[in-house]
Each structure stands twice: as C-alpha cells, then as structure tokens.
Amino acid sequence: MFSGTNLDEETVLAAATELIVRRGPAAKDEAARRAADLERQARWPEHALAVRVLNAVEKLLG
C-alpha cells in the first residue's frame, strides 16, 4: 500500500479502487483483515489509514 498515513481522500480512494481491481468483492474482507491486524499490533496511525481504505472499499462496492 502507500507509505505515510496522512493521505488525501483522492489517494485513499485510489488505494481502495486498486484493491478492488485486484481482489474483486474479496477486497472488503482483505481491507477489514488488514485493519484488524494493525489494531492488534496497536499501530494506530496505520490502523486509521487502513480504516479509511476499508470505508472507501465498502462505499465503492455499495
């Protein structure tokens, strides 16, 4: 994924779109798994970014 955690919405949307292109409907599960892993590791800035990507994936998939 992208480095850094302070990304604009356009970049987050691009990451979500790329994930959907690669994984199709499974993108939602993959994004959720990534966010959960980062939460367990207490990597809060990365977790916040992963949640933003997850939300964008969910919105794009409807």
C-alpha atoms as a PDB file:
ATOM      1  CA  MET A   1       0.000   0.000   0.000  1.00  0.00           C
ATOM      2  CA  PHE A   2       1.030   3.646   0.130  1.00  0.00           C
ATOM      3  CA  SER A   3       3.624   4.839   2.601  1.00  0.00           C
ATOM      4  CA  GLY A   4       2.686   7.514   5.073  1.00  0.00           C
ATOM      5  CA  THR A   5      -0.566   7.886   6.914  1.00  0.00           C
ATOM      6  CA  ASN A   6      -1.542  11.484   6.162  1.00  0.00           C
ATOM      7  CA  LEU A   7      -3.095  10.920   2.740  1.00  0.00           C
ATOM      8  CA  ASP A   8      -5.775  12.935   0.998  1.00  0.00           C
ATOM      9  CA  GLU A   9      -9.124  11.391   0.134  1.00  0.00           C
ATOM     10  CA  GLU A  10      -8.235  11.059  -3.543  1.00  0.00           C
ATOM     11  CA  THR A  11      -5.242   8.877  -2.670  1.00  0.00           C
ATOM     12  CA  VAL A  12      -7.287   6.764  -0.260  1.00  0.00           C
ATOM     13  CA  LEU A  13      -9.906   6.298  -2.970  1.00  0.00           C
ATOM     14  CA  ALA A  14      -7.193   5.272  -5.448  1.00  0.00           C
ATOM     15  CA  ALA A  15      -5.891   2.679  -2.977  1.00  0.00           C
ATOM     16  CA  ALA A  16      -9.391   1.311  -2.447  1.00  0.00           C
ATOM     17  CA  THR A  17     -10.013   1.158  -6.183  1.00  0.00           C
ATOM     18  CA  GLU A  18      -6.742  -0.660  -6.793  1.00  0.00           C
ATOM     19  CA  LEU A  19      -7.590  -3.191  -4.077  1.00  0.00           C
ATOM     20  CA  ILE A  20     -10.999  -3.821  -5.660  1.00  0.00           C
ATOM     21  CA  VAL A  21      -9.442  -4.268  -9.102  1.00  0.00           C
ATOM     22  CA  ARG A  22      -7.001  -6.824  -7.679  1.00  0.00           C
ATOM     23  CA  ARG A  23      -9.322  -8.691  -5.327  1.00  0.00           C
ATOM     24  CA  GLY A  24     -12.875  -8.014  -6.502  1.00  0.00           C
ATOM     25  CA  PRO A  25     -15.526  -8.408  -3.806  1.00  0.00           C
ATOM     26  CA  ALA A  26     -12.918 -10.032  -1.525  1.00  0.00           C
ATOM     27  CA  ALA A  27     -11.325  -6.570  -1.216  1.00  0.00           C
ATOM     28  CA  LYS A  28     -13.678  -5.768   1.654  1.00  0.00           C
ATOM     29  CA  ASP A  29     -12.542  -8.802   3.656  1.00  0.00           C
ATOM     30  CA  GLU A  30      -8.886  -8.113   2.913  1.00  0.00           C
ATOM     31  CA  ALA A  31      -9.180  -4.462   3.959  1.00  0.00           C
ATOM     32  CA  ALA A  32     -11.005  -5.452   7.157  1.00  0.00           C
ATOM     33  CA  ARG A  33      -8.366  -8.069   7.951  1.00  0.00           C
ATOM     34  CA  ARG A  34      -5.599  -5.506   7.457  1.00  0.00           C
ATOM     35  CA  ALA A  35      -7.297  -3.006   9.757  1.00  0.00           C
ATOM     36  CA  ALA A  36      -7.820  -5.681  12.420  1.00  0.00           C
ATOM     37  CA  ASP A  37      -4.187  -6.812  12.220  1.00  0.00           C
ATOM     38  CA  LEU A  38      -2.955  -3.247  12.682  1.00  0.00           C
ATOM     39  CA  GLU A  39      -5.340  -2.743  15.590  1.00  0.00           C
ATOM     40  CA  ARG A  40      -3.986  -5.862  17.328  1.00  0.00           C
ATOM     41  CA  GLN A  41      -0.467  -4.516  16.833  1.00  0.00           C
ATOM     42  CA  ALA A  42      -1.519  -1.117  18.250  1.00  0.00           C
ATOM     43  CA  ARG A  43      -0.144   0.582  15.141  1.00  0.00           C
ATOM     44  CA  TRP A  44      -2.655   3.409  15.394  1.00  0.00           C
ATOM     45  CA  PRO A  45      -1.642   5.726  12.541  1.00  0.00           C
ATOM     46  CA  GLU A  46      -1.534   2.803  10.104  1.00  0.00           C
ATOM     47  CA  HIS A  47      -4.790   1.455  11.553  1.00  0.00           C
ATOM     48  CA  ALA A  48      -6.506   4.788  10.958  1.00  0.00           C
ATOM     49  CA  LEU A  49      -5.385   4.731   7.331  1.00  0.00           C
ATOM     50  CA  ALA A  50      -6.479   1.115   6.891  1.00  0.00           C
ATOM     51  CA  VAL A  51      -9.927   2.005   8.246  1.00  0.00           C
ATOM     52  CA  ARG A  52     -10.160   4.869   5.754  1.00  0.00           C
ATOM     53  CA  VAL A  53      -9.322   2.464   2.924  1.00  0.00           C
ATOM     54  CA  LEU A  54     -11.838  -0.063   4.266  1.00  0.00           C
ATOM     55  CA  ASN A  55     -14.553   2.609   4.356  1.00  0.00           C
ATOM     56  CA  ALA A  56     -13.745   3.612   0.788  1.00  0.00           C
ATOM     57  CA  VAL A  57     -13.850  -0.029  -0.364  1.00  0.00           C
ATOM     58  CA  GLU A  58     -17.241  -0.501   1.305  1.00  0.00           C
ATOM     59  CA  LYS A  59     -18.575   2.676  -0.312  1.00  0.00           C
ATOM     60  CA  LEU A  60     -17.317   1.684  -3.761  1.00  0.00           C
ATOM     61  CA  LEU A  61     -18.709  -1.840  -3.510  1.00  0.00           C
ATOM     62  CA  GLY A  62     -22.037  -0.476  -2.323  1.00  0.00           C
END
